[in-house]
Amino acid sequence: MHGKLRKFLCFALMLLLISLSGAALAAPAQGANEANVSIVYFTKDISPAGLLKIYDKINQDITGKVAIKLHTGEPKGPNLLPLPMIKALQGHIPNSNLVETNVYYSSPRETTAGHRKTIRTNGFDFCKVDIMDEFGTTMLPVKGGRHFKEMSMGKGILDYDSMVVYTHFKGHTMGGYGGSLKNIGIGCADGKIGKAMIHSKNGQQWGRTQDEFQECMTESAKAVIDHFGKRITFVNVMKNMSVDCDCAGASAAAPVAKDVGILGSTDLLAIDQATIDLVYKLPEAERKDLRERIESRHGLRQLTYMEELKMGNKNYKLVSLD
């Protein structure tokens, strides 16, 4: 009888340990408890309906005049996100415009006139698009940075009360990947002064080391999120994830990774961390090229430097809306 009882107790203990192990795997990132995690919403539904479902979970502090920051891309880029999605989002947000800034490299988008032509070519002219550096620049403070005390931004950023950061997540030649951080860190800096501050050093246009570039871009993004405070929110769309950015235009490589879904959060670090984690969970054949691009450019420095600058929470809980 004692032998049977001993076997029963051992079996019960084994079940308990298995249960506890499973609970640990299901817990938020890195042992964090529920009180100190950020929420990242997720859906596999990459459609206008899926996008609005995500946005409606993260829009509680979006008020007043709203800037929707997106990357308009070079003319006829093959991997651009479907137009019906951004049309649905802009139509869903009262008093909103699309916003961009001119670029630093040789491109039609280097000038406002050329940029507007590209916007028409790529179909983004369905509503007003504000080229934020068209009428000058403004300096926003960078708090706690090692490279900058302030960053030059398109002056038009001051015209908005809130910002929705709508990002096509993909690889990038210099950043390794382009998530929400790059969308605002590079995308709000003006095309002449701000982008030069981030990229150039010692008179060389692309003179930064990889780590310096990642840190400078992160500090620029910090200026943006500090400016808006709670009135900024983030969406990452994991579709058409080439190793190349939409700035590569028609020459961009075809995606190897499958489409994953849409993520949304009010926490910049949490959403980019969650997106990277989902990339790294893809099958090896799908993630290999993206991972090589990210790591060869020291892209993960974006995440660690955001944490150092207290730009969000790396511990998150992924909440499915499906």
C-alpha atoms as a PDB file:
ATOM      1  CA  MET A   1       0.000   0.000   0.000  1.00  0.00           C
ATOM      2  CA  HIS A   2       2.861   2.330   0.913  1.00  0.00           C
ATOM      3  CA  GLY A   3       4.548   1.497  -2.402  1.00  0.00           C
ATOM      4  CA  LYS A   4       1.419   2.446  -4.367  1.00  0.00           C
ATOM      5  CA  LEU A   5       1.093   5.684  -2.417  1.00  0.00           C
ATOM      6  CA  ARG A   6       4.726   6.512  -3.080  1.00  0.00           C
ATOM      7  CA  LYS A   7       4.267   5.910  -6.814  1.00  0.00           C
ATOM      8  CA  PHE A   8       1.122   8.077  -6.825  1.00  0.00           C
ATOM      9  CA  LEU A   9       2.898  10.954  -5.053  1.00  0.00           C
ATOM     10  CA  CYS A  10       5.852  10.745  -7.455  1.00  0.00           C
ATOM     11  CA  PHE A  11       3.468  10.810 -10.420  1.00  0.00           C
ATOM     12  CA  ALA A  12       1.609  13.812  -8.996  1.00  0.00           C
ATOM     13  CA  LEU A  13       4.881  15.640  -8.393  1.00  0.00           C
ATOM     14  CA  MET A  14       5.964  14.961 -11.958  1.00  0.00           C
ATOM     15  CA  LEU A  15       2.696  16.423 -13.283  1.00  0.00           C
ATOM     16  CA  LEU A  16       3.142  19.479 -11.088  1.00  0.00           C
ATOM     17  CA  LEU A  17       6.681  20.068 -12.398  1.00  0.00           C
ATOM     18  CA  ILE A  18       5.509  19.702 -15.998  1.00  0.00           C
ATOM     19  CA  SER A  19       2.716  22.178 -15.314  1.00  0.00           C
ATOM     20  CA  LEU A  20       5.106  24.699 -13.765  1.00  0.00           C
ATOM     21  CA  SER A  21       7.521  24.307 -16.672  1.00  0.00           C
ATOM     22  CA  GLY A  22       4.747  25.011 -19.165  1.00  0.00           C
ATOM     23  CA  ALA A  23       3.664  28.060 -17.211  1.00  0.00           C
ATOM     24  CA  ALA A  24       7.211  29.387 -17.307  1.00  0.00           C
ATOM     25  CA  LEU A  25       7.338  29.019 -21.090  1.00  0.00           C
ATOM     26  CA  ALA A  26       4.043  30.868 -21.434  1.00  0.00           C
ATOM     27  CA  ALA A  27       5.123  33.716 -19.157  1.00  0.00           C
ATOM     28  CA  PRO A  28       6.006  37.177 -20.493  1.00  0.00           C
ATOM     29  CA  ALA A  29       9.510  37.717 -21.811  1.00  0.00           C
ATOM     30  CA  GLN A  30      12.505  37.013 -19.617  1.00  0.00           C
ATOM     31  CA  GLY A  31      10.739  36.128 -16.403  1.00  0.00           C
ATOM     32  CA  ALA A  32       8.887  39.421 -16.102  1.00  0.00           C
ATOM     33  CA  ASN A  33       5.646  39.414 -14.179  1.00  0.00           C
ATOM     34  CA  GLU A  34       2.354  40.773 -15.470  1.00  0.00           C
ATOM     35  CA  ALA A  35       2.838  44.081 -13.638  1.00  0.00           C
ATOM     36  CA  ASN A  36       5.913  45.168 -15.596  1.00  0.00           C
ATOM     37  CA  VAL A  37       5.198  44.082 -19.165  1.00  0.00           C
ATOM     38  CA  SER A  38       3.961  46.076 -22.122  1.00  0.00           C
ATOM     39  CA  ILE A  39       1.120  44.808 -24.274  1.00  0.00           C
ATOM     40  CA  VAL A  40       1.737  44.129 -27.952  1.00  0.00           C
ATOM     41  CA  TYR A  41      -1.378  43.208 -29.911  1.00  0.00           C
ATOM     42  CA  PHE A  42      -1.147  40.821 -32.847  1.00  0.00           C
ATOM     43  CA  THR A  43      -3.270  39.529 -35.689  1.00  0.00           C
ATOM     44  CA  LYS A  44      -2.484  37.260 -38.622  1.00  0.00           C
ATOM     45  CA  ASP A  45      -5.106  39.149 -40.628  1.00  0.00           C
ATOM     46  CA  ILE A  46      -3.052  41.405 -42.922  1.00  0.00           C
ATOM     47  CA  SER A  47      -5.958  43.365 -44.349  1.00  0.00           C
ATOM     48  CA  PRO A  48      -7.684  46.719 -43.807  1.00  0.00           C
ATOM     49  CA  ALA A  49      -9.979  45.050 -41.269  1.00  0.00           C
ATOM     50  CA  GLY A  50      -7.059  43.494 -39.399  1.00  0.00           C
ATOM     51  CA  LEU A  51      -5.186  46.797 -39.345  1.00  0.00           C
ATOM     52  CA  LEU A  52      -8.146  48.696 -37.924  1.00  0.00           C
ATOM     53  CA  LYS A  53      -8.693  45.982 -35.331  1.00  0.00           C
ATOM     54  CA  ILE A  54      -5.112  46.498 -34.137  1.00  0.00           C
ATOM     55  CA  TYR A  55      -5.285  50.300 -34.277  1.00  0.00           C
ATOM     56  CA  ASP A  56      -8.459  50.456 -32.211  1.00  0.00           C
ATOM     57  CA  LYS A  57      -6.599  48.724 -29.371  1.00  0.00           C
ATOM     58  CA  ILE A  58      -3.765  51.266 -29.247  1.00  0.00           C
ATOM     59  CA  ASN A  59      -5.356  54.621 -30.088  1.00  0.00           C
ATOM     60  CA  GLN A  60      -6.510  55.755 -26.647  1.00  0.00           C
ATOM     61  CA  ASP A  61      -4.240  58.822 -26.525  1.00  0.00           C
ATOM     62  CA  ILE A  62      -4.378  59.797 -30.210  1.00  0.00           C
ATOM     63  CA  THR A  63      -6.183  63.146 -30.335  1.00  0.00           C
ATOM     64  CA  GLY A  64      -6.210  66.434 -32.218  1.00  0.00           C
ATOM     65  CA  LYS A  65      -4.406  66.779 -35.521  1.00  0.00           C
ATOM     66  CA  VAL A  66      -2.794  63.419 -36.320  1.00  0.00           C
ATOM     67  CA  ALA A  67       0.328  62.684 -38.349  1.00  0.00           C
ATOM     68  CA  ILE A  68       0.429  59.201 -39.872  1.00  0.00           C
ATOM     69  CA  LYS A  69       4.136  58.546 -40.424  1.00  0.00           C
ATOM     70  CA  LEU A  70       4.803  56.051 -43.191  1.00  0.00           C
ATOM     71  CA  HIS A  71       7.643  55.323 -45.617  1.00  0.00           C
ATOM     72  CA  THR A  72       6.517  56.255 -49.129  1.00  0.00           C
ATOM     73  CA  GLY A  73       9.347  54.288 -50.784  1.00  0.00           C
ATOM     74  CA  GLU A  74      11.038  54.765 -54.143  1.00  0.00           C
ATOM     75  CA  PRO A  75       8.963  54.696 -57.355  1.00  0.00           C
ATOM     76  CA  LYS A  76       7.228  51.400 -58.111  1.00  0.00           C
ATOM     77  CA  GLY A  77       8.858  49.424 -55.331  1.00  0.00           C
ATOM     78  CA  PRO A  78       7.718  45.785 -55.640  1.00  0.00           C
ATOM     79  CA  ASN A  79       7.262  45.157 -51.915  1.00  0.00           C
ATOM     80  CA  LEU A  80       5.202  48.159 -50.828  1.00  0.00           C
ATOM     81  CA  LEU A  81       2.285  47.391 -48.534  1.00  0.00           C
ATOM     82  CA  PRO A  82      -1.167  47.238 -50.176  1.00  0.00           C
ATOM     83  CA  LEU A  83      -2.708  50.691 -50.645  1.00  0.00           C
ATOM     84  CA  PRO A  84      -6.165  49.707 -49.322  1.00  0.00           C
ATOM     85  CA  MET A  85      -4.623  49.259 -45.866  1.00  0.00           C
ATOM     86  CA  ILE A  86      -3.250  52.784 -45.475  1.00  0.00           C
ATOM     87  CA  LYS A  87      -6.364  54.225 -47.120  1.00  0.00           C
ATOM     88  CA  ALA A  88      -8.505  52.465 -44.533  1.00  0.00           C
ATOM     89  CA  LEU A  89      -6.301  53.629 -41.650  1.00  0.00           C
ATOM     90  CA  GLN A  90      -6.212  57.259 -42.740  1.00  0.00           C
ATOM     91  CA  GLY A  91      -9.957  57.280 -43.363  1.00  0.00           C
ATOM     92  CA  HIS A  92     -10.504  55.826 -39.893  1.00  0.00           C
ATOM     93  CA  ILE A  93      -8.512  58.535 -38.084  1.00  0.00           C
ATOM     94  CA  PRO A  94     -10.221  61.940 -37.916  1.00  0.00           C
ATOM     95  CA  ASN A  95      -8.157  65.012 -38.808  1.00  0.00           C
ATOM     96  CA  SER A  96      -5.204  62.955 -40.081  1.00  0.00           C
ATOM     97  CA  ASN A  97      -2.599  63.391 -42.817  1.00  0.00           C
ATOM     98  CA  LEU A  98       0.223  61.230 -44.094  1.00  0.00           C
ATOM     99  CA  VAL A  99       3.649  62.682 -43.283  1.00  0.00           C
ATOM    100  CA  GLU A 100       7.159  62.141 -44.640  1.00  0.00           C
ATOM    101  CA  THR A 101      10.500  63.935 -44.989  1.00  0.00           C
ATOM    102  CA  ASN A 102      12.885  64.174 -47.905  1.00  0.00           C
ATOM    103  CA  VAL A 103      15.815  61.765 -48.148  1.00  0.00           C
ATOM    104  CA  TYR A 104      19.587  62.195 -47.810  1.00  0.00           C
ATOM    105  CA  TYR A 105      20.750  60.011 -50.697  1.00  0.00           C
ATOM    106  CA  SER A 106      20.493  60.524 -54.470  1.00  0.00           C
ATOM    107  CA  SER A 107      16.839  59.959 -55.291  1.00  0.00           C
ATOM    108  CA  PRO A 108      13.750  61.645 -56.745  1.00  0.00           C
ATOM    109  CA  ARG A 109      12.696  61.982 -53.097  1.00  0.00           C
ATOM    110  CA  GLU A 110      15.723  64.184 -52.360  1.00  0.00           C
ATOM    111  CA  THR A 111      13.606  67.234 -53.270  1.00  0.00           C
ATOM    112  CA  THR A 112      10.035  68.027 -52.304  1.00  0.00           C
ATOM    113  CA  ALA A 113       8.956  68.207 -55.969  1.00  0.00           C
ATOM    114  CA  GLY A 114      10.496  64.824 -56.747  1.00  0.00           C
ATOM    115  CA  HIS A 115       9.099  63.354 -53.568  1.00  0.00           C
ATOM    116  CA  ARG A 116       5.581  64.476 -54.447  1.00  0.00           C
ATOM    117  CA  LYS A 117       5.924  62.911 -57.897  1.00  0.00           C
ATOM    118  CA  THR A 118       6.937  59.611 -56.253  1.00  0.00           C
ATOM    119  CA  ILE A 119       3.995  59.876 -53.869  1.00  0.00           C
ATOM    120  CA  ARG A 120       1.671  60.148 -56.872  1.00  0.00           C
ATOM    121  CA  THR A 121       3.416  57.267 -58.655  1.00  0.00           C
ATOM    122  CA  ASN A 122       3.038  54.993 -55.628  1.00  0.00           C
ATOM    123  CA  GLY A 123      -0.581  55.989 -55.025  1.00  0.00           C
ATOM    124  CA  PHE A 124      -0.252  57.823 -51.723  1.00  0.00           C
ATOM    125  CA  ASP A 125      -1.860  61.014 -53.054  1.00  0.00           C
ATOM    126  CA  PHE A 126      -5.380  59.892 -52.067  1.00  0.00           C
ATOM    127  CA  CYS A 127      -5.170  62.344 -49.143  1.00  0.00           C
ATOM    128  CA  LYS A 128      -2.967  65.247 -48.066  1.00  0.00           C
ATOM    129  CA  VAL A 129       0.687  64.272 -47.635  1.00  0.00           C
ATOM    130  CA  ASP A 130       2.775  66.666 -45.571  1.00  0.00           C
ATOM    131  CA  ILE A 131       6.492  66.733 -46.472  1.00  0.00           C
ATOM    132  CA  MET A 132       7.511  67.930 -43.026  1.00  0.00           C
ATOM    133  CA  ASP A 133      10.789  69.576 -44.077  1.00  0.00           C
ATOM    134  CA  GLU A 134       9.271  71.374 -47.091  1.00  0.00           C
ATOM    135  CA  PHE A 135       9.189  74.669 -45.205  1.00  0.00           C
ATOM    136  CA  GLY A 136      12.219  74.310 -42.980  1.00  0.00           C
ATOM    137  CA  THR A 137      13.477  72.548 -39.880  1.00  0.00           C
ATOM    138  CA  THR A 138      13.206  72.619 -36.108  1.00  0.00           C
ATOM    139  CA  MET A 139      15.445  71.285 -33.360  1.00  0.00           C
ATOM    140  CA  LEU A 140      13.962  68.836 -30.832  1.00  0.00           C
ATOM    141  CA  PRO A 141      15.855  67.993 -27.633  1.00  0.00           C
ATOM    142  CA  VAL A 142      17.530  64.608 -27.160  1.00  0.00           C
ATOM    143  CA  LYS A 143      17.573  63.676 -23.494  1.00  0.00           C
ATOM    144  CA  GLY A 144      20.353  61.442 -22.200  1.00  0.00           C
ATOM    145  CA  GLY A 145      22.008  60.707 -25.534  1.00  0.00           C
ATOM    146  CA  ARG A 146      25.727  60.107 -25.986  1.00  0.00           C
ATOM    147  CA  HIS A 147      25.886  61.638 -29.479  1.00  0.00           C
ATOM    148  CA  PHE A 148      23.382  64.505 -29.553  1.00  0.00           C
ATOM    149  CA  LYS A 149      21.725  67.082 -27.343  1.00  0.00           C
ATOM    150  CA  GLU A 150      19.189  67.922 -30.063  1.00  0.00           C
ATOM    151  CA  MET A 151      18.110  66.650 -33.466  1.00  0.00           C
ATOM    152  CA  SER A 152      17.023  68.537 -36.584  1.00  0.00           C
ATOM    153  CA  MET A 153      13.518  67.559 -37.676  1.00  0.00           C
ATOM    154  CA  GLY A 154      11.145  68.602 -40.411  1.00  0.00           C
ATOM    155  CA  LYS A 155       9.455  71.740 -39.082  1.00  0.00           C
ATOM    156  CA  GLY A 156       6.029  70.342 -39.941  1.00  0.00           C
ATOM    157  CA  ILE A 157       6.229  67.948 -36.994  1.00  0.00           C
ATOM    158  CA  LEU A 158       5.248  70.888 -34.791  1.00  0.00           C
ATOM    159  CA  ASP A 159       1.887  71.153 -36.587  1.00  0.00           C
ATOM    160  CA  TYR A 160       0.637  67.863 -35.123  1.00  0.00           C
ATOM    161  CA  ASP A 161      -0.785  66.895 -31.758  1.00  0.00           C
ATOM    162  CA  SER A 162      -0.357  63.122 -32.175  1.00  0.00           C
ATOM    163  CA  MET A 163       1.500  60.631 -34.350  1.00  0.00           C
ATOM    164  CA  VAL A 164       0.576  57.153 -35.604  1.00  0.00           C
ATOM    165  CA  VAL A 165       3.689  55.301 -36.781  1.00  0.00           C
ATOM    166  CA  TYR A 166       2.642  52.928 -39.574  1.00  0.00           C
ATOM    167  CA  THR A 167       5.620  50.782 -40.500  1.00  0.00           C
ATOM    168  CA  HIS A 168       6.367  48.219 -43.171  1.00  0.00           C
ATOM    169  CA  PHE A 169       8.782  45.963 -41.296  1.00  0.00           C
ATOM    170  CA  LYS A 170      11.590  44.693 -43.560  1.00  0.00           C
ATOM    171  CA  GLY A 171      15.348  44.537 -43.880  1.00  0.00           C
ATOM    172  CA  HIS A 172      17.529  47.566 -44.516  1.00  0.00           C
ATOM    173  CA  THR A 173      20.947  48.126 -46.098  1.00  0.00           C
ATOM    174  CA  MET A 174      22.297  50.204 -43.209  1.00  0.00           C
ATOM    175  CA  GLY A 175      19.918  49.633 -40.300  1.00  0.00           C
ATOM    176  CA  GLY A 176      19.774  45.861 -40.724  1.00  0.00           C
ATOM    177  CA  TYR A 177      16.027  46.149 -40.355  1.00  0.00           C
ATOM    178  CA  GLY A 178      13.467  48.901 -40.526  1.00  0.00           C
ATOM    179  CA  GLY A 179      10.923  48.846 -37.723  1.00  0.00           C
ATOM    180  CA  SER A 180       8.999  51.564 -35.939  1.00  0.00           C
ATOM    181  CA  LEU A 181      12.203  53.046 -34.536  1.00  0.00           C
ATOM    182  CA  LYS A 182      13.753  53.606 -37.961  1.00  0.00           C
ATOM    183  CA  ASN A 183      10.474  54.952 -39.351  1.00  0.00           C
ATOM    184  CA  ILE A 184      10.640  57.898 -36.954  1.00  0.00           C
ATOM    185  CA  GLY A 185      14.374  58.067 -36.210  1.00  0.00           C
ATOM    186  CA  ILE A 186      15.304  58.522 -39.863  1.00  0.00           C
ATOM    187  CA  GLY A 187      11.862  59.374 -41.206  1.00  0.00           C
ATOM    188  CA  CYS A 188      11.213  62.495 -39.120  1.00  0.00           C
ATOM    189  CA  ALA A 189      14.755  63.913 -39.367  1.00  0.00           C
ATOM    190  CA  ASP A 190      14.911  66.434 -42.193  1.00  0.00           C
ATOM    191  CA  GLY A 191      16.662  65.514 -45.432  1.00  0.00           C
ATOM    192  CA  LYS A 192      19.546  67.953 -45.216  1.00  0.00           C
ATOM    193  CA  ILE A 193      20.600  68.568 -41.611  1.00  0.00           C
ATOM    194  CA  GLY A 194      19.024  65.833 -39.447  1.00  0.00           C
ATOM    195  CA  LYS A 195      19.804  62.890 -41.685  1.00  0.00           C
ATOM    196  CA  ALA A 196      23.357  64.212 -42.152  1.00  0.00           C
ATOM    197  CA  MET A 197      23.760  64.361 -38.363  1.00  0.00           C
ATOM    198  CA  ILE A 198      22.740  60.702 -38.120  1.00  0.00           C
ATOM    199  CA  HIS A 199      24.762  59.349 -41.056  1.00  0.00           C
ATOM    200  CA  SER A 200      27.824  61.509 -41.556  1.00  0.00           C
ATOM    201  CA  LYS A 201      31.075  61.932 -39.649  1.00  0.00           C
ATOM    202  CA  ASN A 202      34.382  63.678 -40.346  1.00  0.00           C
ATOM    203  CA  GLY A 203      33.095  65.039 -43.641  1.00  0.00           C
ATOM    204  CA  GLN A 204      32.086  61.617 -44.974  1.00  0.00           C
ATOM    205  CA  GLN A 205      28.432  61.222 -45.949  1.00  0.00           C
ATOM    206  CA  TRP A 206      28.236  57.677 -44.603  1.00  0.00           C
ATOM    207  CA  GLY A 207      31.031  58.032 -42.056  1.00  0.00           C
ATOM    208  CA  ARG A 208      29.412  56.467 -38.999  1.00  0.00           C
ATOM    209  CA  THR A 209      30.348  53.008 -37.756  1.00  0.00           C
ATOM    210  CA  GLN A 210      27.440  50.572 -37.613  1.00  0.00           C
ATOM    211  CA  ASP A 211      27.026  50.932 -33.845  1.00  0.00           C
ATOM    212  CA  GLU A 212      27.277  54.726 -34.047  1.00  0.00           C
ATOM    213  CA  PHE A 213      24.658  54.822 -36.783  1.00  0.00           C
ATOM    214  CA  GLN A 214      22.243  52.643 -34.791  1.00  0.00           C
ATOM    215  CA  GLU A 215      22.735  54.809 -31.707  1.00  0.00           C
ATOM    216  CA  CYS A 216      22.352  58.092 -33.601  1.00  0.00           C
ATOM    217  CA  MET A 217      19.142  56.861 -35.232  1.00  0.00           C
ATOM    218  CA  THR A 218      17.844  55.756 -31.834  1.00  0.00           C
ATOM    219  CA  GLU A 219      18.573  59.148 -30.286  1.00  0.00           C
ATOM    220  CA  SER A 220      16.691  60.813 -33.127  1.00  0.00           C
ATOM    221  CA  ALA A 221      13.701  58.558 -32.439  1.00  0.00           C
ATOM    222  CA  LYS A 222      13.896  59.461 -28.761  1.00  0.00           C
ATOM    223  CA  ALA A 223      13.490  63.119 -29.652  1.00  0.00           C
ATOM    224  CA  VAL A 224      10.267  62.215 -31.487  1.00  0.00           C
ATOM    225  CA  ILE A 225       8.719  60.074 -28.746  1.00  0.00           C
ATOM    226  CA  ASP A 226       9.654  62.590 -26.055  1.00  0.00           C
ATOM    227  CA  HIS A 227       8.018  65.328 -28.138  1.00  0.00           C
ATOM    228  CA  PHE A 228       4.703  63.486 -28.423  1.00  0.00           C
ATOM    229  CA  GLY A 229       4.722  61.781 -25.019  1.00  0.00           C
ATOM    230  CA  LYS A 230       1.693  59.502 -24.724  1.00  0.00           C
ATOM    231  CA  ARG A 231       0.270  60.833 -27.991  1.00  0.00           C
ATOM    232  CA  ILE A 232       2.193  58.420 -30.205  1.00  0.00           C
ATOM    233  CA  THR A 233       1.429  54.813 -31.105  1.00  0.00           C
ATOM    234  CA  PHE A 234       3.010  52.147 -33.303  1.00  0.00           C
ATOM    235  CA  VAL A 235       1.987  49.562 -35.916  1.00  0.00           C
ATOM    236  CA  ASN A 236       4.388  47.088 -37.576  1.00  0.00           C
ATOM    237  CA  VAL A 237       3.160  45.164 -40.626  1.00  0.00           C
ATOM    238  CA  MET A 238       5.113  41.939 -41.239  1.00  0.00           C
ATOM    239  CA  LYS A 239       4.367  41.471 -44.941  1.00  0.00           C
ATOM    240  CA  ASN A 240       6.650  41.392 -48.008  1.00  0.00           C
ATOM    241  CA  MET A 241       9.677  41.238 -45.712  1.00  0.00           C
ATOM    242  CA  SER A 242      12.558  41.566 -48.137  1.00  0.00           C
ATOM    243  CA  VAL A 243      16.118  42.044 -46.904  1.00  0.00           C
ATOM    244  CA  ASP A 244      15.885  45.386 -48.726  1.00  0.00           C
ATOM    245  CA  CYS A 245      14.036  48.501 -47.669  1.00  0.00           C
ATOM    246  CA  ASP A 246      11.388  50.119 -49.871  1.00  0.00           C
ATOM    247  CA  CYS A 247      14.063  52.784 -50.461  1.00  0.00           C
ATOM    248  CA  ALA A 248      15.721  50.243 -52.784  1.00  0.00           C
ATOM    249  CA  GLY A 249      12.869  50.802 -55.233  1.00  0.00           C
ATOM    250  CA  ALA A 250      12.370  48.469 -58.179  1.00  0.00           C
ATOM    251  CA  SER A 251      15.662  46.680 -57.485  1.00  0.00           C
ATOM    252  CA  ALA A 252      14.562  45.432 -54.050  1.00  0.00           C
ATOM    253  CA  ALA A 253      15.082  41.708 -53.483  1.00  0.00           C
ATOM    254  CA  ALA A 254      12.041  39.466 -53.440  1.00  0.00           C
ATOM    255  CA  PRO A 255      10.928  38.381 -49.957  1.00  0.00           C
ATOM    256  CA  VAL A 256      11.918  34.929 -48.745  1.00  0.00           C
ATOM    257  CA  ALA A 257      10.157  35.070 -45.378  1.00  0.00           C
ATOM    258  CA  LYS A 258       6.451  34.353 -45.204  1.00  0.00           C
ATOM    259  CA  ASP A 259       3.953  37.044 -44.240  1.00  0.00           C
ATOM    260  CA  VAL A 260       3.364  36.911 -40.483  1.00  0.00           C
ATOM    261  CA  GLY A 261       0.831  39.506 -39.380  1.00  0.00           C
ATOM    262  CA  ILE A 262       0.303  42.962 -37.871  1.00  0.00           C
ATOM    263  CA  LEU A 263       1.515  44.134 -34.461  1.00  0.00           C
ATOM    264  CA  GLY A 264       0.460  47.212 -32.504  1.00  0.00           C
ATOM    265  CA  SER A 265       1.607  48.793 -29.257  1.00  0.00           C
ATOM    266  CA  THR A 266       1.971  52.103 -27.463  1.00  0.00           C
ATOM    267  CA  ASP A 267       5.503  50.988 -26.498  1.00  0.00           C
ATOM    268  CA  LEU A 268       8.214  51.498 -29.132  1.00  0.00           C
ATOM    269  CA  LEU A 269      10.778  49.093 -27.695  1.00  0.00           C
ATOM    270  CA  ALA A 270       8.193  46.399 -27.020  1.00  0.00           C
ATOM    271  CA  ILE A 271       6.798  46.391 -30.569  1.00  0.00           C
ATOM    272  CA  ASP A 272      10.180  46.274 -32.301  1.00  0.00           C
ATOM    273  CA  GLN A 273      11.413  43.611 -29.853  1.00  0.00           C
ATOM    274  CA  ALA A 274       8.295  41.504 -30.445  1.00  0.00           C
ATOM    275  CA  THR A 275       8.630  41.848 -34.217  1.00  0.00           C
ATOM    276  CA  ILE A 276      12.272  40.782 -34.163  1.00  0.00           C
ATOM    277  CA  ASP A 277      11.361  37.816 -31.945  1.00  0.00           C
ATOM    278  CA  LEU A 278       8.740  36.702 -34.476  1.00  0.00           C
ATOM    279  CA  VAL A 279      11.300  36.952 -37.288  1.00  0.00           C
ATOM    280  CA  TYR A 280      13.738  34.812 -35.312  1.00  0.00           C
ATOM    281  CA  LYS A 281      11.016  32.179 -34.775  1.00  0.00           C
ATOM    282  CA  LEU A 282      10.508  31.688 -38.518  1.00  0.00           C
ATOM    283  CA  PRO A 283      11.807  28.456 -40.087  1.00  0.00           C
ATOM    284  CA  GLU A 284      15.543  28.654 -40.769  1.00  0.00           C
ATOM    285  CA  ALA A 285      15.137  28.848 -44.551  1.00  0.00           C
ATOM    286  CA  GLU A 286      12.849  31.882 -44.185  1.00  0.00           C
ATOM    287  CA  ARG A 287      14.702  33.763 -41.460  1.00  0.00           C
ATOM    288  CA  LYS A 288      18.275  33.131 -42.629  1.00  0.00           C
ATOM    289  CA  ASP A 289      18.641  36.088 -45.020  1.00  0.00           C
ATOM    290  CA  LEU A 290      16.830  38.556 -42.772  1.00  0.00           C
ATOM    291  CA  ARG A 291      18.796  37.468 -39.734  1.00  0.00           C
ATOM    292  CA  GLU A 292      22.088  37.810 -41.598  1.00  0.00           C
ATOM    293  CA  ARG A 293      21.106  41.298 -42.753  1.00  0.00           C
ATOM    294  CA  ILE A 294      20.067  42.330 -39.226  1.00  0.00           C
ATOM    295  CA  GLU A 295      23.130  40.992 -37.448  1.00  0.00           C
ATOM    296  CA  SER A 296      25.733  41.999 -40.053  1.00  0.00           C
ATOM    297  CA  ARG A 297      24.573  45.613 -39.651  1.00  0.00           C
ATOM    298  CA  HIS A 298      24.453  45.377 -35.830  1.00  0.00           C
ATOM    299  CA  GLY A 299      20.718  46.013 -36.042  1.00  0.00           C
ATOM    300  CA  LEU A 300      19.977  44.587 -32.599  1.00  0.00           C
ATOM    301  CA  ARG A 301      21.834  47.583 -31.144  1.00  0.00           C
ATOM    302  CA  GLN A 302      18.620  49.501 -31.783  1.00  0.00           C
ATOM    303  CA  LEU A 303      16.905  47.398 -29.117  1.00  0.00           C
ATOM    304  CA  THR A 304      19.649  47.476 -26.500  1.00  0.00           C
ATOM    305  CA  TYR A 305      20.192  51.226 -26.868  1.00  0.00           C
ATOM    306  CA  MET A 306      16.458  51.896 -26.605  1.00  0.00           C
ATOM    307  CA  GLU A 307      16.543  50.021 -23.315  1.00  0.00           C
ATOM    308  CA  GLU A 308      19.525  52.080 -22.107  1.00  0.00           C
ATOM    309  CA  LEU A 309      17.716  55.310 -22.992  1.00  0.00           C
ATOM    310  CA  LYS A 310      14.521  54.094 -21.274  1.00  0.00           C
ATOM    311  CA  MET A 311      12.498  54.332 -24.479  1.00  0.00           C
ATOM    312  CA  GLY A 312      10.188  51.476 -23.597  1.00  0.00           C
ATOM    313  CA  ASN A 313      10.028  48.007 -22.155  1.00  0.00           C
ATOM    314  CA  LYS A 314      11.727  44.957 -23.689  1.00  0.00           C
ATOM    315  CA  ASN A 315       9.407  42.732 -21.633  1.00  0.00           C
ATOM    316  CA  TYR A 316       6.101  42.340 -23.399  1.00  0.00           C
ATOM    317  CA  LYS A 317       3.019  40.166 -23.620  1.00  0.00           C
ATOM    318  CA  LEU A 318       1.837  39.275 -27.120  1.00  0.00           C
ATOM    319  CA  VAL A 319      -1.967  39.385 -27.173  1.00  0.00           C
ATOM    320  CA  SER A 320      -3.626  37.754 -30.177  1.00  0.00           C
ATOM    321  CA  LEU A 321      -6.798  39.351 -31.517  1.00  0.00           C
ATOM    322  CA  ASP A 322      -7.594  36.356 -33.759  1.00  0.00           C
END
